[in-house]
Protein backbone atom coordinates (compact mmCIF):
# COMPACT_ATOMS: atom_id res chain seq x y z
CA MET A 1 43.53 -17.82 -62.93
CA ALA A 2 47.07 -16.42 -62.87
CA ASP A 3 45.60 -12.90 -62.99
CA LEU A 4 43.57 -13.61 -59.86
CA ALA A 5 46.66 -14.61 -57.96
CA SER A 6 48.71 -11.62 -59.06
CA SER A 7 46.36 -8.82 -58.08
CA SER A 8 42.74 -8.74 -57.12
CA ASN A 9 42.34 -5.33 -58.80
CA ASP A 10 43.56 -6.82 -62.08
CA SER A 11 40.79 -9.42 -61.95
CA VAL A 12 38.16 -6.78 -61.30
CA LEU A 13 38.72 -4.31 -64.10
CA PRO A 14 38.46 -4.86 -67.85
CA SER A 15 42.01 -5.05 -69.27
CA ALA A 16 41.76 -1.82 -71.28
CA GLU A 17 40.84 0.12 -68.14
CA ARG A 18 43.12 -1.47 -65.53
CA GLU A 19 46.09 0.85 -65.77
CA SER A 20 44.22 4.16 -66.00
CA ASP A 21 41.63 3.33 -63.32
CA LEU A 22 44.21 2.01 -60.87
CA ASP A 23 45.91 5.39 -61.04
CA VAL A 24 42.68 7.16 -60.04
CA ASP A 25 42.28 7.23 -56.31
CA LEU A 26 38.94 5.96 -55.03
CA GLU A 27 38.00 9.24 -53.38
CA THR A 28 38.27 11.01 -56.74
CA LEU A 29 36.58 8.21 -58.71
CA VAL A 30 33.47 8.33 -56.52
CA GLY A 31 33.52 12.09 -56.04
CA ASP A 32 30.44 12.51 -53.83
CA TRP A 33 30.75 11.08 -50.31
CA SER A 34 28.47 11.31 -47.27
CA TYR A 35 29.86 11.18 -43.74
CA LEU A 36 28.12 9.05 -41.13
CA PRO A 37 26.71 11.93 -39.03
CA ASP A 38 25.28 13.47 -42.22
CA ILE A 39 23.60 10.17 -43.12
CA ALA A 40 22.12 9.92 -39.64
CA GLU A 41 20.75 13.46 -39.94
CA ARG A 42 19.45 12.90 -43.48
CA TYR A 43 17.30 9.95 -42.41
CA GLY A 44 16.59 10.96 -38.79
CA LEU A 45 18.55 7.97 -37.46
CA SER A 46 20.94 7.52 -34.61
CA LEU A 47 24.60 7.17 -35.49
CA SER A 48 24.49 3.63 -34.10
CA ARG A 49 21.72 2.74 -36.58
CA VAL A 50 23.89 4.03 -39.45
CA ARG A 51 26.72 1.85 -38.13
CA THR A 52 24.31 -1.10 -38.10
CA HIS A 53 23.62 -0.53 -41.81
CA ILE A 54 27.37 -0.74 -42.32
CA ALA A 55 27.77 -3.84 -40.13
CA ASP A 56 24.90 -5.51 -42.01
CA ARG A 57 26.72 -4.68 -45.29
CA GLU A 58 23.87 -2.54 -46.58
CA LEU A 59 26.44 0.24 -46.97
CA LEU A 60 30.17 0.18 -47.68
CA THR A 61 32.61 2.77 -46.40
CA HIS A 62 35.98 4.23 -47.20
CA ARG A 63 38.16 6.76 -45.38
CA VAL A 64 38.16 10.09 -47.24
CA GLY A 65 39.09 13.72 -46.84
CA PRO A 66 41.96 15.35 -44.99
CA ASN A 67 40.94 13.71 -41.69
CA ARG A 68 40.44 10.29 -43.33
CA ALA A 69 36.90 10.17 -41.90
CA ILE A 70 34.65 7.21 -42.65
CA ALA A 71 32.25 7.99 -45.50
CA VAL A 72 29.78 6.26 -47.81
CA PRO A 73 29.42 6.97 -51.54
CA THR A 74 26.34 9.20 -51.67
CA ALA A 75 24.99 7.21 -54.63
CA PHE A 76 24.57 4.23 -52.25
CA LEU A 77 21.82 6.19 -50.47
CA GLY A 78 18.22 6.23 -51.61
CA GLU A 79 15.23 8.30 -50.58
CA LEU A 80 14.52 6.20 -47.49
CA GLY A 81 17.93 4.73 -46.67
CA PRO A 82 20.49 2.42 -48.23
CA ARG A 83 19.53 1.45 -51.78
CA PRO A 84 18.14 -2.09 -51.45
CA GLU A 85 19.57 -3.42 -54.73
CA LEU A 86 23.12 -2.90 -53.47
CA LYS A 87 23.25 -5.34 -50.54
CA GLY A 88 22.96 -8.49 -52.69
CA THR A 89 25.47 -7.09 -55.19
CA PHE A 90 27.91 -6.33 -52.35
CA THR A 91 27.49 -9.93 -51.16
CA VAL A 92 28.12 -11.46 -54.59
CA LEU A 93 31.26 -9.37 -55.09
CA ALA A 94 32.57 -10.05 -51.57
CA ASP A 95 31.93 -13.78 -51.99
CA GLY A 96 34.03 -13.51 -55.15
CA GLY A 97 36.96 -12.26 -53.07
CA MET A 98 36.69 -8.48 -53.38
CA ASN A 99 37.26 -6.17 -50.45
CA ASP A 100 35.14 -3.05 -49.90
CA GLU A 101 37.47 -0.74 -51.81
CA GLU A 102 37.50 -3.09 -54.81
CA ILE A 103 33.71 -3.38 -54.72
CA ILE A 104 33.25 0.39 -54.71
CA ARG A 105 35.80 0.79 -57.50
CA TRP A 106 34.09 -1.89 -59.63
CA LEU A 107 30.68 -0.28 -59.17
CA TYR A 108 32.08 3.05 -60.39
CA THR A 109 34.18 1.70 -63.28
CA ASP A 110 32.98 2.55 -66.78
CA ASP A 111 31.75 -0.42 -68.82
CA ALA A 112 30.31 0.53 -72.20
CA SER A 113 28.81 -2.94 -72.67
CA LEU A 114 26.33 -2.53 -69.79
CA ARG A 115 22.71 -1.66 -70.46
CA GLY A 116 21.18 1.15 -68.46
CA GLY A 117 24.29 3.14 -67.67
CA ARG A 118 28.01 3.65 -68.05
CA THR A 119 28.87 1.91 -64.76
CA PRO A 120 27.50 -1.09 -62.85
CA LEU A 121 26.08 1.34 -60.27
CA GLU A 122 24.17 3.28 -62.94
CA SER A 123 22.91 0.01 -64.43
CA LEU A 124 21.64 -1.09 -61.01
CA ALA A 125 19.83 2.23 -60.61
CA ALA A 126 18.26 1.76 -64.06
CA GLY A 127 16.83 -1.62 -63.03
CA PHE A 128 19.38 -4.02 -64.55
CA LYS A 129 20.14 -5.77 -61.26
CA ALA A 130 20.21 -9.29 -62.73
CA GLU A 131 22.67 -8.34 -65.46
CA VAL A 132 25.00 -6.58 -63.03
CA ARG A 133 24.91 -9.52 -60.61
CA ARG A 134 25.62 -12.00 -63.42
CA ARG A 135 28.72 -10.01 -64.27
CA ALA A 136 29.68 -9.84 -60.60
CA GLN A 137 29.33 -13.63 -60.33
CA ALA A 138 31.46 -14.09 -63.42
CA LEU A 139 34.30 -12.21 -61.69
CA ALA A 140 34.47 -14.97 -59.08
CA PHE A 141 35.46 -17.56 -61.68
């Protein structure tokens, strides 16, 4: 529990990866970001509807680029809108005390022990939602 009190990032990342991943800025770690107007255009939605997806925690955002504009990791977007498997995972991680930046970082952090992908996000995409959420719940304890 002492680790949880010292730094929430320390509690999120496996110990071998803490130092190197903390040095990587989130914008670089994610790499591919979509700005809100682009998301609205992609799905034929109003900008207010995109903001509703954010308010409903179906999408998470971070400020990126030279203008620090609000953007969403492109991998959070599916063919028809926000990827449905993410909302529950966001909730579990937030209930465990993570903020949006920590959640995004955790989803993009390499974990060789996961089935279906190198990161929790890739494992979710491969259909291992229950395994990823179990690990997310374990972070809360």
